[in-house]
C-alpha atoms as a PDB file:
ATOM      1  CA  MET A   1     -43.960  68.022 -96.203  1.00  0.00           C
ATOM      2  CA  ASP A   2     -45.747  64.609 -96.220  1.00  0.00           C
ATOM      3  CA  TYR A   3     -47.033  62.622 -93.123  1.00  0.00           C
ATOM      4  CA  GLU A   4     -49.133  59.764 -92.413  1.00  0.00           C
ATOM      5  CA  THR A   5     -50.909  59.581 -88.856  1.00  0.00           C
ATOM      6  CA  ALA A   6     -51.457  56.160 -86.825  1.00  0.00           C
ATOM      7  CA  ASP A   7     -55.125  55.924 -88.257  1.00  0.00           C
ATOM      8  CA  GLY A   8     -53.980  55.981 -92.088  1.00  0.00           C
ATOM      9  CA  SER A   9     -54.666  59.451 -92.684  1.00  0.00           C
ATOM     10  CA  GLN A  10     -52.605  61.168 -94.849  1.00  0.00           C
ATOM     11  CA  PHE A  11     -51.631  64.843 -95.236  1.00  0.00           C
ATOM     12  CA  SER A  12     -49.581  66.998 -97.504  1.00  0.00           C
ATOM     13  CA  LEU A  13     -48.546  70.321 -96.351  1.00  0.00           C
ATOM     14  CA  ARG A  14     -46.723  72.834 -99.136  1.00  0.00           C
ATOM     15  CA  GLU A  15     -45.770  76.382 -98.591  1.00  0.00           C
ATOM     16  CA  GLU A  16     -46.431  78.753-101.590  1.00  0.00           C
ATOM     17  CA  TRP A  17     -44.273  81.440-102.696  1.00  0.00           C
ATOM     18  CA  SER A  18     -44.731  84.462-105.508  1.00  0.00           C
ATOM     19  CA  ASP A  19     -42.935  83.904-108.877  1.00  0.00           C
ATOM     20  CA  ASP A  20     -40.659  86.895-108.422  1.00  0.00           C
ATOM     21  CA  ALA A  21     -37.004  85.428-108.324  1.00  0.00           C
ATOM     22  CA  GLU A  22     -35.515  88.477-106.866  1.00  0.00           C
ATOM     23  CA  SER A  23     -37.539  88.828-103.919  1.00  0.00           C
ATOM     24  CA  PRO A  24     -40.204  86.028-103.540  1.00  0.00           C
ATOM     25  CA  GLN A  25     -43.027  86.581-100.997  1.00  0.00           C
ATOM     26  CA  PHE A  26     -44.438  84.091 -98.981  1.00  0.00           C
ATOM     27  CA  LEU A  27     -48.380  83.580 -99.726  1.00  0.00           C
ATOM     28  CA  GLY A  28     -49.362  80.682 -97.316  1.00  0.00           C
ATOM     29  CA  THR A  29     -49.522  77.025 -96.704  1.00  0.00           C
ATOM     30  CA  LEU A  30     -51.704  74.662 -98.736  1.00  0.00           C
ATOM     31  CA  ILE A  31     -53.012  71.835 -96.873  1.00  0.00           C
ATOM     32  CA  THR A  32     -54.470  68.534 -98.826  1.00  0.00           C
ATOM     33  CA  ALA A  33     -55.805  65.418 -96.880  1.00  0.00           C
ATOM     34  CA  PHE A  34     -57.366  62.299 -97.335  1.00  0.00           C
ATOM     35  CA  VAL A  35     -58.863  61.249 -93.702  1.00  0.00           C
ATOM     36  CA  ASP A  36     -61.112  58.050 -93.643  1.00  0.00           C
ATOM     37  CA  GLY A  37     -60.861  58.197 -97.581  1.00  0.00           C
ATOM     38  CA  ASN A  38     -62.631  61.388 -97.840  1.00  0.00           C
ATOM     39  CA  ALA A  39     -60.587  64.662 -99.199  1.00  0.00           C
ATOM     40  CA  TYR A  40     -60.217  67.812 -97.378  1.00  0.00           C
ATOM     41  CA  VAL A  41     -58.000  71.081 -98.086  1.00  0.00           C
ATOM     42  CA  GLY A  42     -56.966  74.073 -95.955  1.00  0.00           C
ATOM     43  CA  LYS A  43     -55.125  77.011 -96.106  1.00  0.00           C
ATOM     44  CA  SER A  44     -52.998  79.195 -93.431  1.00  0.00           C
ATOM     45  CA  THR A  45     -51.241  82.310 -93.444  1.00  0.00           C
ATOM     46  CA  HIS A  46     -48.515  80.718 -91.632  1.00  0.00           C
ATOM     47  CA  GLY A  47     -45.423  78.884 -92.346  1.00  0.00           C
ATOM     48  CA  LEU A  48     -44.678  75.104 -91.920  1.00  0.00           C
ATOM     49  CA  ASP A  49     -42.819  75.791 -88.616  1.00  0.00           C
ATOM     50  CA  ASP A  50     -45.446  77.391 -86.954  1.00  0.00           C
ATOM     51  CA  LEU A  51     -48.216  74.717 -87.550  1.00  0.00           C
ATOM     52  CA  ASP A  52     -48.618  71.904 -85.308  1.00  0.00           C
ATOM     53  CA  GLU A  53     -51.056  68.704 -86.117  1.00  0.00           C
ATOM     54  CA  GLN A  54     -53.965  70.280 -84.340  1.00  0.00           C
ATOM     55  CA  ASP A  55     -53.617  73.734 -86.303  1.00  0.00           C
ATOM     56  CA  VAL A  56     -53.725  71.417 -89.339  1.00  0.00           C
ATOM     57  CA  PHE A  57     -57.196  69.475 -88.602  1.00  0.00           C
ATOM     58  CA  ASP A  58     -58.629  72.794 -87.641  1.00  0.00           C
ATOM     59  CA  LEU A  59     -57.869  74.300 -90.868  1.00  0.00           C
ATOM     60  CA  LEU A  60     -59.470  71.335 -93.078  1.00  0.00           C
ATOM     61  CA  GLU A  61     -62.872  71.902 -95.313  1.00  0.00           C
ATOM     62  CA  PRO A  62     -64.095  68.847 -96.902  1.00  0.00           C
ATOM     63  CA  VAL A  63     -63.585  68.669-100.980  1.00  0.00           C
ATOM     64  CA  PRO A  64     -67.000  67.670-102.917  1.00  0.00           C
ATOM     65  CA  SER A  65     -66.556  63.920-103.985  1.00  0.00           C
ATOM     66  CA  ASP A  66     -67.681  64.745-107.498  1.00  0.00           C
ATOM     67  CA  ASN A  67     -64.889  67.785-107.700  1.00  0.00           C
ATOM     68  CA  ILE A  68     -62.129  64.953-107.671  1.00  0.00           C
ATOM     69  CA  PHE A  69     -62.988  61.342-107.871  1.00  0.00           C
ATOM     70  CA  PRO A  70     -64.762  60.424-111.365  1.00  0.00           C
ATOM     71  CA  ILE A  71     -67.589  58.343-111.698  1.00  0.00           C
ATOM     72  CA  PHE A  72     -66.557  54.659-112.302  1.00  0.00           C
ATOM     73  CA  SER A  73     -67.720  53.014-115.434  1.00  0.00           C
ATOM     74  CA  ASP A  74     -67.997  49.712-116.971  1.00  0.00           C
ATOM     75  CA  ASP A  75     -65.120  50.796-119.467  1.00  0.00           C
ATOM     76  CA  LEU A  76     -62.522  50.906-116.500  1.00  0.00           C
ATOM     77  CA  THR A  77     -60.923  48.024-114.541  1.00  0.00           C
ATOM     78  CA  GLN A  78     -61.113  47.463-110.913  1.00  0.00           C
ATOM     79  CA  ALA A  79     -57.838  47.293-109.025  1.00  0.00           C
ATOM     80  CA  PRO A  80     -56.903  44.020-107.150  1.00  0.00           C
ATOM     81  CA  PRO A  81     -56.212  44.034-103.757  1.00  0.00           C
ATOM     82  CA  PHE A  82     -53.389  46.407-102.788  1.00  0.00           C
ATOM     83  CA  ASP A  83     -50.027  45.253-101.972  1.00  0.00           C
ATOM     84  CA  THR A  84     -47.513  47.292-100.477  1.00  0.00           C
ATOM     85  CA  ASP A  85     -44.503  45.791-102.477  1.00  0.00           C
ATOM     86  CA  GLU A  86     -46.051  45.834-105.716  1.00  0.00           C
ATOM     87  CA  HIS A  87     -48.469  48.635-106.000  1.00  0.00           C
ATOM     88  CA  TYR A  88     -48.295  52.306-105.864  1.00  0.00           C
ATOM     89  CA  LEU A  89     -51.819  54.151-105.297  1.00  0.00           C
ATOM     90  CA  LYS A  90     -51.801  57.401-107.079  1.00  0.00           C
ATOM     91  CA  ALA A  91     -54.352  59.999-105.610  1.00  0.00           C
ATOM     92  CA  PRO A  92     -55.744  63.052-107.375  1.00  0.00           C
ATOM     93  CA  GLN A  93     -53.723  66.390-106.653  1.00  0.00           C
ATOM     94  CA  PHE A  94     -55.969  69.136-105.988  1.00  0.00           C
ATOM     95  CA  THR A  95     -55.920  72.666-104.486  1.00  0.00           C
ATOM     96  CA  TYR A  96     -57.948  75.125-102.222  1.00  0.00           C
ATOM     97  CA  GLU A  97     -60.001  76.177-105.142  1.00  0.00           C
ATOM     98  CA  ASP A  98     -60.893  72.550-105.856  1.00  0.00           C
ATOM     99  CA  ARG A  99     -63.428  72.656-102.801  1.00  0.00           C
ATOM    100  CA  GLN A 100     -65.567  74.728-104.801  1.00  0.00           C
ATOM    101  CA  PRO A 101     -68.851  72.917-105.433  1.00  0.00           C
ATOM    102  CA  GLY A 102     -69.010  72.274-109.586  1.00  0.00           C
ATOM    103  CA  ARG A 103     -65.277  72.685-110.082  1.00  0.00           C
ATOM    104  CA  THR A 104     -64.735  69.221-111.661  1.00  0.00           C
ATOM    105  CA  PHE A 105     -61.386  69.582-113.483  1.00  0.00           C
ATOM    106  CA  VAL A 106     -59.107  67.337-111.095  1.00  0.00           C
ATOM    107  CA  ALA A 107     -62.115  64.486-111.354  1.00  0.00           C
ATOM    108  CA  ASP A 108     -61.793  65.051-115.468  1.00  0.00           C
ATOM    109  CA  ARG A 109     -57.854  65.162-115.551  1.00  0.00           C
ATOM    110  CA  MET A 110     -58.097  61.703-113.019  1.00  0.00           C
ATOM    111  CA  ARG A 111     -60.726  60.333-115.786  1.00  0.00           C
ATOM    112  CA  ASN A 112     -58.648  61.238-118.651  1.00  0.00           C
ATOM    113  CA  GLU A 113     -55.209  59.376-117.142  1.00  0.00           C
ATOM    114  CA  ALA A 114     -57.746  56.169-116.188  1.00  0.00           C
ATOM    115  CA  THR A 115     -58.773  56.152-120.096  1.00  0.00           C
ATOM    116  CA  THR A 116     -55.476  56.369-121.451  1.00  0.00           C
ATOM    117  CA  LEU A 117     -54.194  53.773-119.028  1.00  0.00           C
ATOM    118  CA  GLU A 118     -56.788  51.507-119.723  1.00  0.00           C
ATOM    119  CA  LEU A 119     -55.664  51.966-123.406  1.00  0.00           C
ATOM    120  CA  LEU A 120     -51.961  51.282-122.419  1.00  0.00           C
ATOM    121  CA  SER A 121     -52.834  48.208-120.403  1.00  0.00           C
ATOM    122  CA  GLU A 122     -54.352  46.254-123.461  1.00  0.00           C
ATOM    123  CA  LYS A 123     -51.271  47.217-125.408  1.00  0.00           C
ATOM    124  CA  PRO A 124     -48.573  47.380-122.989  1.00  0.00           C
ATOM    125  CA  HIS A 125     -44.906  48.279-123.327  1.00  0.00           C
ATOM    126  CA  PRO A 126     -42.012  48.159-121.044  1.00  0.00           C
ATOM    127  CA  SER A 127     -41.324  51.736-121.015  1.00  0.00           C
ATOM    128  CA  LEU A 128     -44.578  52.880-120.496  1.00  0.00           C
ATOM    129  CA  ALA A 129     -46.148  52.968-116.682  1.00  0.00           C
ATOM    130  CA  LYS A 130     -47.903  49.384-115.887  1.00  0.00           C
ATOM    131  CA  TYR A 131     -51.612  49.934-114.655  1.00  0.00           C
ATOM    132  CA  TYR A 132     -53.698  47.484-112.708  1.00  0.00           C
ATOM    133  CA  GLY A 133     -56.887  49.531-112.464  1.00  0.00           C
ATOM    134  CA  CYS A 134     -58.690  51.700-110.108  1.00  0.00           C
ATOM    135  CA  VAL A 135     -59.422  51.921-106.716  1.00  0.00           C
ATOM    136  CA  VAL A 136     -63.425  52.542-105.981  1.00  0.00           C
ATOM    137  CA  LYS A 137     -65.478  53.890-103.363  1.00  0.00           C
ATOM    138  CA  ASP A 138     -69.003  54.519-103.236  1.00  0.00           C
ATOM    139  CA  GLY A 139     -69.082  54.260-107.222  1.00  0.00           C
ATOM    140  CA  ARG A 140     -66.181  56.887-107.707  1.00  0.00           C
ATOM    141  CA  VAL A 141     -62.419  56.189-108.364  1.00  0.00           C
ATOM    142  CA  THR A 142     -60.458  57.240-105.463  1.00  0.00           C
ATOM    143  CA  HIS A 143     -56.941  56.214-106.607  1.00  0.00           C
ATOM    144  CA  LEU A 144     -55.597  54.760-109.754  1.00  0.00           C
ATOM    145  CA  SER A 145     -53.231  51.645-108.969  1.00  0.00           C
ATOM    146  CA  LEU A 146     -49.835  51.293-110.622  1.00  0.00           C
ATOM    147  CA  ALA A 147     -46.458  49.256-110.538  1.00  0.00           C
ATOM    148  CA  ARG A 148     -44.345  50.765-107.784  1.00  0.00           C
ATOM    149  CA  TYR A 149     -40.966  51.665-108.998  1.00  0.00           C
ATOM    150  CA  HIS A 150     -37.561  51.351-107.426  1.00  0.00           C
ATOM    151  CA  CYS A 151     -36.990  55.437-107.735  1.00  0.00           C
ATOM    152  CA  ASN A 152     -37.741  58.045-110.246  1.00  0.00           C
ATOM    153  CA  LEU A 153     -34.708  59.372-112.776  1.00  0.00           C
ATOM    154  CA  VAL A 154     -33.985  62.597-110.234  1.00  0.00           C
ATOM    155  CA  GLN A 155     -33.196  60.205-107.410  1.00  0.00           C
ATOM    156  CA  HIS A 156     -31.519  57.495-109.762  1.00  0.00           C
ATOM    157  CA  VAL A 157     -28.746  59.928-111.072  1.00  0.00           C
ATOM    158  CA  GLN A 158     -27.245  60.104-107.573  1.00  0.00           C
ATOM    159  CA  VAL A 159     -25.898  56.608-107.803  1.00  0.00           C
ATOM    160  CA  GLY A 160     -23.751  58.243-110.630  1.00  0.00           C
ATOM    161  CA  LEU A 161     -24.282  57.030-114.339  1.00  0.00           C
ATOM    162  CA  SER A 162     -21.888  56.573-117.369  1.00  0.00           C
ATOM    163  CA  GLU A 163     -22.262  57.781-120.857  1.00  0.00           C
ATOM    164  CA  GLU A 164     -23.684  54.374-121.820  1.00  0.00           C
ATOM    165  CA  ASP A 165     -26.259  54.337-118.975  1.00  0.00           C
ATOM    166  CA  CYS A 166     -27.689  57.578-120.139  1.00  0.00           C
ATOM    167  CA  ASP A 167     -27.492  56.369-123.734  1.00  0.00           C
ATOM    168  CA  ARG A 168     -29.570  53.344-122.607  1.00  0.00           C
ATOM    169  CA  ILE A 169     -32.305  55.535-120.856  1.00  0.00           C
ATOM    170  CA  LEU A 170     -32.552  57.412-123.600  1.00  0.00           C
ATOM    171  CA  GLU A 171     -33.178  54.936-126.387  1.00  0.00           C
ATOM    172  CA  GLN A 172     -35.763  53.188-123.759  1.00  0.00           C
ATOM    173  CA  LEU A 173     -38.028  56.406-123.547  1.00  0.00           C
ATOM    174  CA  ARG A 174     -37.682  56.677-127.139  1.00  0.00           C
ATOM    175  CA  SER A 175     -39.014  53.424-127.653  1.00  0.00           C
ATOM    176  CA  GLY A 176     -41.937  53.993-125.350  1.00  0.00           C
ATOM    177  CA  LEU A 177     -42.673  57.392-126.978  1.00  0.00           C
ATOM    178  CA  GLU A 178     -42.597  55.916-130.419  1.00  0.00           C
ATOM    179  CA  TYR A 179     -44.850  53.371-129.332  1.00  0.00           C
ATOM    180  CA  LEU A 180     -46.941  55.955-127.560  1.00  0.00           C
ATOM    181  CA  HIS A 181     -47.143  58.058-130.616  1.00  0.00           C
ATOM    182  CA  GLY A 182     -48.243  55.066-132.805  1.00  0.00           C
ATOM    183  CA  LEU A 183     -51.099  54.730-130.759  1.00  0.00           C
ATOM    184  CA  GLY A 184     -52.147  58.502-131.734  1.00  0.00           C
ATOM    185  CA  ILE A 185     -51.285  59.977-128.237  1.00  0.00           C
ATOM    186  CA  ALA A 186     -48.730  62.466-126.993  1.00  0.00           C
ATOM    187  CA  HIS A 187     -47.659  62.491-123.173  1.00  0.00           C
ATOM    188  CA  ASN A 188     -47.101  66.191-123.390  1.00  0.00           C
ATOM    189  CA  ASP A 189     -45.125  66.187-119.847  1.00  0.00           C
ATOM    190  CA  ILE A 190     -42.001  64.540-120.547  1.00  0.00           C
ATOM    191  CA  ASN A 191     -39.393  65.495-117.411  1.00  0.00           C
ATOM    192  CA  PRO A 192     -37.108  63.734-115.000  1.00  0.00           C
ATOM    193  CA  GLU A 193     -39.580  63.635-112.627  1.00  0.00           C
ATOM    194  CA  ASN A 194     -42.177  61.604-114.834  1.00  0.00           C
ATOM    195  CA  VAL A 195     -39.794  58.982-115.427  1.00  0.00           C
ATOM    196  CA  CYS A 196     -39.034  55.926-113.176  1.00  0.00           C
ATOM    197  CA  ILE A 197     -36.643  53.214-112.989  1.00  0.00           C
ATOM    198  CA  ASP A 198     -37.902  49.875-112.551  1.00  0.00           C
ATOM    199  CA  ALA A 199     -35.805  46.968-110.135  1.00  0.00           C
ATOM    200  CA  SER A 200     -33.917  46.030-113.411  1.00  0.00           C
ATOM    201  CA  GLY A 201     -32.882  49.410-114.141  1.00  0.00           C
ATOM    202  CA  HIS A 202     -35.499  49.861-117.093  1.00  0.00           C
ATOM    203  CA  ALA A 203     -36.505  53.644-117.620  1.00  0.00           C
ATOM    204  CA  VAL A 204     -40.521  53.687-117.361  1.00  0.00           C
ATOM    205  CA  ILE A 205     -42.684  56.977-118.781  1.00  0.00           C
ATOM    206  CA  ILE A 206     -45.408  57.608-115.682  1.00  0.00           C
ATOM    207  CA  ASP A 207     -47.794  60.172-115.059  1.00  0.00           C
ATOM    208  CA  PHE A 208     -50.457  60.296-117.894  1.00  0.00           C
ATOM    209  CA  ASP A 209     -52.770  63.072-116.910  1.00  0.00           C
ATOM    210  CA  SER A 210     -51.568  65.003-119.552  1.00  0.00           C
ATOM    211  CA  ALA A 211     -51.834  62.653-122.236  1.00  0.00           C
ATOM    212  CA  ALA A 212     -54.191  63.251-125.013  1.00  0.00           C
ATOM    213  CA  PRO A 213     -54.855  62.352-128.950  1.00  0.00           C
ATOM    214  CA  PHE A 214     -53.087  64.151-131.259  1.00  0.00           C
ATOM    215  CA  GLY A 215     -54.618  67.798-131.783  1.00  0.00           C
ATOM    216  CA  GLU A 216     -56.569  67.993-128.632  1.00  0.00           C
ATOM    217  CA  ALA A 217     -56.595  71.344-126.444  1.00  0.00           C
ATOM    218  CA  LEU A 218     -54.373  70.881-123.627  1.00  0.00           C
ATOM    219  CA  VAL A 219     -55.218  71.855-120.002  1.00  0.00           C
ATOM    220  CA  LYS A 220     -52.450  70.423-118.143  1.00  0.00           C
ATOM    221  CA  GLY A 221     -48.553  70.114-118.527  1.00  0.00           C
ATOM    222  CA  ARG A 222     -45.494  71.890-119.048  1.00  0.00           C
ATOM    223  CA  SER A 223     -45.517  72.122-123.064  1.00  0.00           C
ATOM    224  CA  THR A 224     -45.200  75.774-124.596  1.00  0.00           C
ATOM    225  CA  ARG A 225     -47.799  74.589-127.018  1.00  0.00           C
ATOM    226  CA  GLN A 226     -51.730  74.525-126.619  1.00  0.00           C
ATOM    227  CA  ILE A 227     -52.121  71.109-128.332  1.00  0.00           C
ATOM    228  CA  SER A 228     -51.379  67.665-128.104  1.00  0.00           C
ATOM    229  CA  ASP A 229     -48.533  66.937-130.424  1.00  0.00           C
ATOM    230  CA  PRO A 230     -45.665  64.895-130.346  1.00  0.00           C
ATOM    231  CA  GLU A 231     -43.228  67.566-130.844  1.00  0.00           C
ATOM    232  CA  ASN A 232     -43.804  68.443-126.963  1.00  0.00           C
ATOM    233  CA  ASP A 233     -42.470  64.777-125.971  1.00  0.00           C
ATOM    234  CA  PHE A 234     -39.472  65.319-128.466  1.00  0.00           C
ATOM    235  CA  GLU A 235     -38.852  68.446-126.310  1.00  0.00           C
ATOM    236  CA  GLY A 236     -39.170  66.715-123.118  1.00  0.00           C
ATOM    237  CA  LEU A 237     -36.760  63.929-124.402  1.00  0.00           C
ATOM    238  CA  GLN A 238     -34.235  66.581-125.209  1.00  0.00           C
ATOM    239  CA  LEU A 239     -34.653  68.105-121.449  1.00  0.00           C
ATOM    240  CA  ILE A 240     -33.902  64.747-120.236  1.00  0.00           C
ATOM    241  CA  HIS A 241     -30.953  64.236-122.432  1.00  0.00           C
ATOM    242  CA  ASP A 242     -29.340  67.912-121.431  1.00  0.00           C
ATOM    243  CA  PHE A 243     -30.245  66.829-117.636  1.00  0.00           C
ATOM    244  CA  LEU A 244     -28.428  63.345-117.872  1.00  0.00           C
ATOM    245  CA  PHE A 245     -25.208  64.442-119.785  1.00  0.00           C
ATOM    246  CA  ASN A 246     -25.063  67.787-118.098  1.00  0.00           C
ATOM    247  CA  LEU A 247     -24.152  65.414-115.269  1.00  0.00           C
ATOM    248  CA  VAL A 248     -21.453  62.968-116.670  1.00  0.00           C
ATOM    249  CA  ARG A 249     -19.540  65.139-118.979  1.00  0.00           C
ATOM    250  CA  ASP A 250     -18.997  68.659-120.721  1.00  0.00           C
ATOM    251  CA  PRO A 251     -22.153  69.784-122.693  1.00  0.00           C
ATOM    252  CA  ALA A 252     -20.126  71.579-125.005  1.00  0.00           C
ATOM    253  CA  GLU A 253     -18.926  68.199-126.288  1.00  0.00           C
ATOM    254  CA  GLU A 254     -22.333  67.052-126.978  1.00  0.00           C
ATOM    255  CA  ASP A 255     -23.840  67.557-130.700  1.00  0.00           C
ATOM    256  CA  PHE A 256     -27.729  66.929-129.845  1.00  0.00           C
ATOM    257  CA  ASP A 257     -29.518  70.039-131.382  1.00  0.00           C
ATOM    258  CA  ASP A 258     -32.758  68.558-132.202  1.00  0.00           C
ATOM    259  CA  MET A 259     -35.061  65.598-130.802  1.00  0.00           C
ATOM    260  CA  SER A 260     -37.085  65.566-133.791  1.00  0.00           C
ATOM    261  CA  PRO A 261     -38.626  62.012-134.709  1.00  0.00           C
ATOM    262  CA  LEU A 262     -35.817  61.688-137.376  1.00  0.00           C
ATOM    263  CA  ASN A 263     -32.590  62.729-135.307  1.00  0.00           C
ATOM    264  CA  ALA A 264     -34.222  60.801-131.970  1.00  0.00           C
ATOM    265  CA  ALA A 265     -33.969  57.593-134.002  1.00  0.00           C
ATOM    266  CA  SER A 266     -29.982  57.920-133.550  1.00  0.00           C
ATOM    267  CA  ILE A 267     -29.952  57.873-129.943  1.00  0.00           C
END
């Protein structure tokens, strides 16, 4: 559950459950918040239905800025003034453990994403997220300013897609990935939630906090490999292919066994 209070404070509450598929156990409710531009986190043993606004406030603990906000440096671009219609501000995602002093994993990932987006802004591609710069407060990057898109792919399929629509989306994503790979970078987290659709219906890859040069060790993402590799992206593209075509036709009719670069070119 996400909500915003009248003063502009933002709150996100998520129930956590064990991974036991047969009998999942409730572990608690994680709370993350931005109040007056500062980050807070909390944890409750109660479920969402048992928490009111005052309970949430009482549970909040401050998160050290250097844990989640990287230092702004001269190689980064400062974002222009925020425009609600055009810009989406991406805040760092953090957990209860990130309140511990010296834990800078989140800040490191945000810095990594900003670095990748800076490179892409110099060499833009219509299938890769448009980046405007960093929102800066007290010398630290608090948000990344990105283009606001119409919806993500999971939402887009609800309107109903033809086979031609699916082919077009896959071709646009393949083109973006080939371009990214040409820069020596793999995305490493390609999935339907990391694809958006712009106002013209064009598919755009977002969320570059797992992106890394080929061969670098991965610390985030859904890939089974432990290093950044183009094959991670082709496997993700296969996942999206299956997601799309399972909705529009019988998967048994589809002959799409391999998303290697060679076979991907035929999409």
